[in-house]
Amino acid sequence: MILWALVTLILFSALLLGLAAFGPLRGTPSARPLSWMAMLQAVLAAVLVGARLTGMA
């Protein structure tokens, strides 16, 4: 149960970072690191979900 809450928080954070990178911060130097961080968080959440579904977590 706690893992799903963590995954939900990670995905929500990735969504907010992605919206900031492609919204109000578009064209600024900080947009690229924010989009990379959002992508990294989405991949981390996918790995956690995959580990949970395969029984590794």
Protein backbone atom coordinates (compact mmCIF):
# COMPACT_ATOMS: atom_id res chain seq x y z
CA MET A 1 0.00 0.00 0.00
CA ILE A 2 2.80 2.42 0.86
CA LEU A 3 4.54 1.62 -2.44
CA TRP A 4 1.48 2.69 -4.42
CA ALA A 5 1.32 5.94 -2.47
CA LEU A 6 5.00 6.54 -3.23
CA VAL A 7 4.46 5.80 -6.92
CA THR A 8 1.49 8.17 -6.97
CA LEU A 9 3.56 10.95 -5.38
CA ILE A 10 6.43 10.37 -7.83
CA LEU A 11 4.08 10.48 -10.81
CA PHE A 12 2.35 13.61 -9.50
CA SER A 13 5.72 15.29 -9.04
CA ALA A 14 6.77 14.25 -12.56
CA LEU A 15 3.53 15.67 -13.94
CA LEU A 16 4.07 19.01 -12.20
CA LEU A 17 7.68 19.22 -13.36
CA GLY A 18 6.65 18.36 -16.91
CA LEU A 19 3.93 20.98 -16.90
CA ALA A 20 6.36 23.58 -15.58
CA ALA A 21 9.00 22.68 -18.18
CA PHE A 22 6.60 22.86 -21.11
CA GLY A 23 4.42 25.65 -19.77
CA PRO A 24 5.57 28.82 -18.06
CA LEU A 25 9.27 27.95 -18.11
CA ARG A 26 9.39 27.06 -21.81
CA GLY A 27 12.36 28.69 -23.47
CA THR A 28 14.29 29.28 -20.26
CA PRO A 29 17.57 27.54 -19.42
CA SER A 30 15.94 25.60 -16.58
CA ALA A 31 13.31 23.94 -18.81
CA ARG A 32 15.60 21.16 -20.06
CA PRO A 33 16.76 19.92 -16.62
CA LEU A 34 13.14 19.99 -15.41
CA SER A 35 11.96 17.90 -18.34
CA TRP A 36 14.82 15.43 -17.79
CA MET A 37 13.93 15.17 -14.10
CA ALA A 38 10.27 14.59 -14.95
CA MET A 39 11.26 11.84 -17.38
CA LEU A 40 13.56 10.26 -14.81
CA GLN A 41 10.81 10.28 -12.19
CA ALA A 42 8.35 8.68 -14.61
CA VAL A 43 10.87 5.93 -15.38
CA LEU A 44 11.49 5.39 -11.67
CA ALA A 45 7.76 5.05 -11.04
CA ALA A 46 7.49 2.55 -13.91
CA VAL A 47 10.36 0.52 -12.45
CA LEU A 48 8.70 0.49 -9.02
CA VAL A 49 5.39 -0.62 -10.51
CA GLY A 50 7.15 -3.31 -12.54
CA ALA A 51 9.00 -4.56 -9.48
CA ARG A 52 5.77 -4.69 -7.49
CA LEU A 53 3.86 -6.53 -10.21
CA THR A 54 6.62 -9.11 -10.65
CA GLY A 55 6.85 -9.68 -6.91
CA MET A 56 10.32 -8.18 -6.39
CA ALA A 57 9.09 -5.38 -4.15
